[in-house]
Amino acid sequence: MDGDTRRVTRRAVLGTTAWSVPVIAVGAVDPLAAASACGGVAAPSTAAGWTVTKTNMSTNGGTDQFTNNGYVLVQDPASTAAASEVVQSPSQTFLAGRTYTFTFNYTTYSKNPRKLTMSFQINGVAQSTGAIDTSTTNGGSGTKTVTYSPTTTVTSPVVLRYDFVAATGTTGDDITISNFANTCT
């Protein structure tokens, strides 16, 4: 082989390589491909990175824990102070144009009713279809469905916020959230 033949062969190889690299790079950053995945929110648990923040919650006679893909909260019956508890998922990306549907079961306590409200929040906004007020569901149970369709892509945790009103006498209340699940379309 003479020197000219080698240069043509190298050019042919380099030309092929130079053209194949941009095709791969463009495919990797294609925004439509990235947006096609629709992430879900894992059920409440410490293993899934959910956290709990308590304000004024009594530690005597009350309990709270992750259980049955949800969360159970019992306020101390001897407590009279206003109190709250925030159960929060890690931040999630909610894509614009997608619909996220959350479902969960709930059960409330029928003895010693004390007003407790639970709100389901995304991006700092309470989703009305996920709200529970134990003064109106005393001893009740059922299923809640929350549908969230952001118009812009947002990154936010999912928040279950529990608020106990101050009581004039010693009363407790509790609520159990279970079978938390969500889908995205």
Protein backbone atom coordinates (compact mmCIF):
# COMPACT_ATOMS: atom_id res chain seq x y z
CA MET A 1 0.00 0.00 0.00
CA ASP A 2 1.25 3.43 -0.78
CA GLY A 3 0.88 6.54 1.45
CA ASP A 4 -2.22 7.87 -0.38
CA THR A 5 -4.18 4.68 0.21
CA ARG A 6 -3.54 4.86 3.95
CA ARG A 7 -4.77 8.46 4.17
CA VAL A 8 -7.99 7.59 2.40
CA THR A 9 -8.56 4.68 4.75
CA ARG A 10 -7.97 6.89 7.81
CA ARG A 11 -10.29 9.57 6.46
CA ALA A 12 -12.95 6.99 5.83
CA VAL A 13 -12.61 5.69 9.39
CA LEU A 14 -12.52 9.17 10.96
CA GLY A 15 -15.43 10.31 8.82
CA THR A 16 -17.55 7.38 10.00
CA THR A 17 -16.62 7.96 13.63
CA ALA A 18 -17.26 11.71 13.47
CA TRP A 19 -20.72 11.15 12.02
CA SER A 20 -21.75 8.44 14.47
CA VAL A 21 -20.88 10.33 17.68
CA PRO A 22 -23.31 13.25 17.15
CA VAL A 23 -26.16 10.86 16.39
CA ILE A 24 -25.65 9.17 19.78
CA ALA A 25 -25.32 12.50 21.62
CA VAL A 26 -28.49 13.92 20.07
CA GLY A 27 -30.45 10.80 21.01
CA ALA A 28 -29.28 11.05 24.62
CA VAL A 29 -30.49 14.63 25.11
CA ASP A 30 -33.71 14.39 23.14
CA PRO A 31 -36.26 16.17 25.39
CA LEU A 32 -39.17 14.09 24.07
CA ALA A 33 -37.38 10.89 25.03
CA ALA A 34 -36.63 12.25 28.50
CA ALA A 35 -40.25 13.34 29.03
CA SER A 36 -41.69 9.98 27.99
CA ALA A 37 -40.89 8.45 31.41
CA CYS A 38 -43.58 9.14 34.00
CA GLY A 39 -42.21 8.68 37.51
CA GLY A 40 -44.33 7.58 40.44
CA VAL A 41 -44.34 8.44 44.12
CA ALA A 42 -43.49 5.53 46.39
CA ALA A 43 -45.87 4.70 49.23
CA PRO A 44 -45.06 6.34 52.57
CA SER A 45 -42.17 4.63 54.38
CA THR A 46 -38.78 5.56 55.73
CA ALA A 47 -37.29 3.16 53.17
CA ALA A 48 -38.79 5.33 50.41
CA GLY A 49 -37.28 8.47 51.97
CA TRP A 50 -40.42 9.92 53.56
CA THR A 51 -39.81 12.13 56.63
CA VAL A 52 -41.93 13.22 59.60
CA THR A 53 -41.92 16.66 61.25
CA LYS A 54 -43.88 17.13 64.49
CA THR A 55 -45.07 20.35 66.11
CA ASN A 56 -46.50 20.16 69.63
CA MET A 57 -47.35 16.46 69.33
CA SER A 58 -47.61 14.72 72.70
CA THR A 59 -45.39 11.70 73.24
CA ASN A 60 -47.54 10.23 76.04
CA GLY A 61 -50.25 7.85 74.89
CA GLY A 62 -50.00 8.79 71.22
CA THR A 63 -48.32 7.00 68.38
CA ASP A 64 -47.35 7.49 64.78
CA GLN A 65 -45.77 5.13 62.30
CA PHE A 66 -45.55 4.07 58.70
CA THR A 67 -47.73 1.02 58.15
CA ASN A 68 -49.59 -0.83 55.36
CA ASN A 69 -48.24 1.47 52.63
CA GLY A 70 -49.48 4.46 54.59
CA TYR A 71 -49.32 6.19 57.95
CA VAL A 72 -51.18 5.86 61.24
CA LEU A 73 -51.40 8.80 63.66
CA VAL A 74 -52.90 8.76 67.16
CA GLN A 75 -52.79 11.93 69.27
CA ASP A 76 -52.43 11.52 73.02
CA PRO A 77 -55.94 11.62 74.55
CA ALA A 78 -54.64 13.74 77.47
CA SER A 79 -53.35 16.46 75.15
CA THR A 80 -55.28 19.73 74.73
CA ALA A 81 -52.80 21.80 72.70
CA ALA A 82 -53.06 22.50 69.00
CA ALA A 83 -50.60 20.24 67.19
CA SER A 84 -49.52 19.20 63.73
CA GLU A 85 -47.55 16.53 61.97
CA VAL A 86 -46.17 16.69 58.43
CA VAL A 87 -45.35 13.48 56.57
CA GLN A 88 -43.42 14.30 53.42
CA SER A 89 -42.05 12.36 50.46
CA PRO A 90 -38.75 13.18 48.79
CA SER A 91 -39.10 15.79 46.04
CA GLN A 92 -40.64 14.40 42.86
CA THR A 93 -40.76 15.80 39.34
CA PHE A 94 -44.29 16.22 38.05
CA LEU A 95 -44.25 16.69 34.29
CA ALA A 96 -46.47 19.23 32.54
CA GLY A 97 -49.23 17.61 30.52
CA ARG A 98 -49.26 14.41 32.61
CA THR A 99 -52.01 13.33 34.98
CA TYR A 100 -51.02 11.89 38.35
CA THR A 101 -53.70 9.95 40.20
CA PHE A 102 -53.22 9.15 43.89
CA THR A 103 -55.49 6.83 45.87
CA PHE A 104 -55.48 5.87 49.53
CA ASN A 105 -57.82 4.39 52.11
CA TYR A 106 -58.57 6.11 55.40
CA THR A 107 -60.15 5.17 58.73
CA THR A 108 -60.94 7.61 61.54
CA TYR A 109 -61.53 7.06 65.24
CA SER A 110 -65.09 7.06 66.61
CA LYS A 111 -64.37 7.48 70.35
CA ASN A 112 -63.17 10.73 71.93
CA PRO A 113 -63.57 12.74 68.74
CA ARG A 114 -61.27 15.72 68.49
CA LYS A 115 -61.18 17.76 65.33
CA LEU A 116 -58.31 16.67 63.13
CA THR A 117 -57.85 17.68 59.51
CA MET A 118 -55.62 15.92 57.05
CA SER A 119 -54.64 17.67 53.83
CA PHE A 120 -52.91 16.16 50.79
CA GLN A 121 -50.53 18.73 49.29
CA ILE A 122 -48.47 18.99 46.12
CA ASN A 123 -46.35 22.03 45.30
CA GLY A 124 -47.55 23.69 48.51
CA VAL A 125 -51.22 23.50 47.52
CA ALA A 126 -53.80 21.38 49.34
CA GLN A 127 -55.65 19.16 46.89
CA SER A 128 -59.31 19.41 47.97
CA THR A 129 -60.28 15.87 47.00
CA GLY A 130 -57.66 14.48 49.42
CA ALA A 131 -58.87 16.39 52.49
CA ILE A 132 -60.26 14.63 55.55
CA ASP A 133 -61.96 16.33 58.51
CA THR A 134 -62.59 13.94 61.40
CA SER A 135 -65.35 16.12 62.80
CA THR A 136 -67.41 15.22 59.73
CA THR A 137 -66.14 11.65 59.24
CA ASN A 138 -66.17 10.60 62.90
CA GLY A 139 -65.76 6.83 62.82
CA GLY A 140 -65.79 6.88 59.04
CA SER A 141 -63.68 5.16 56.49
CA GLY A 142 -63.40 5.19 52.74
CA THR A 143 -61.14 5.84 49.78
CA LYS A 144 -59.81 9.16 48.54
CA THR A 145 -58.68 9.90 45.00
CA VAL A 146 -56.55 12.92 44.13
CA THR A 147 -55.85 13.88 40.52
CA TYR A 148 -53.02 16.30 39.80
CA SER A 149 -52.31 17.66 36.29
CA PRO A 150 -49.61 20.35 36.32
CA THR A 151 -49.55 22.89 33.49
CA THR A 152 -45.81 23.41 33.98
CA THR A 153 -43.24 20.88 35.17
CA VAL A 154 -42.77 21.16 38.94
CA THR A 155 -40.51 19.54 41.49
CA SER A 156 -42.22 19.09 44.83
CA PRO A 157 -42.73 16.60 47.62
CA VAL A 158 -46.10 15.02 48.32
CA VAL A 159 -47.22 16.11 51.79
CA LEU A 160 -49.72 14.56 54.18
CA ARG A 161 -50.37 17.30 56.75
CA TYR A 162 -52.27 16.54 59.95
CA ASP A 163 -53.58 19.41 62.11
CA PHE A 164 -55.24 18.98 65.52
CA VAL A 165 -57.24 21.92 66.84
CA ALA A 166 -56.81 22.95 70.47
CA ALA A 167 -59.27 21.15 72.75
CA THR A 168 -60.97 22.50 75.87
CA GLY A 169 -61.01 19.05 77.46
CA THR A 170 -58.77 16.04 77.14
CA THR A 171 -59.66 14.26 73.94
CA GLY A 172 -57.63 12.41 71.36
CA ASP A 173 -58.20 11.44 67.80
CA ASP A 174 -56.55 9.28 65.23
CA ILE A 175 -56.47 8.54 61.56
CA THR A 176 -55.00 5.76 59.48
CA ILE A 177 -53.99 6.18 55.87
CA SER A 178 -53.29 2.90 54.05
CA ASN A 179 -52.82 1.38 50.60
CA PHE A 180 -51.30 4.57 49.17
CA ALA A 181 -50.72 4.21 45.43
CA ASN A 182 -50.38 6.39 42.37
CA THR A 183 -50.33 6.17 38.61
CA CYS A 184 -49.29 8.55 35.89
CA THR A 185 -50.65 8.89 32.37
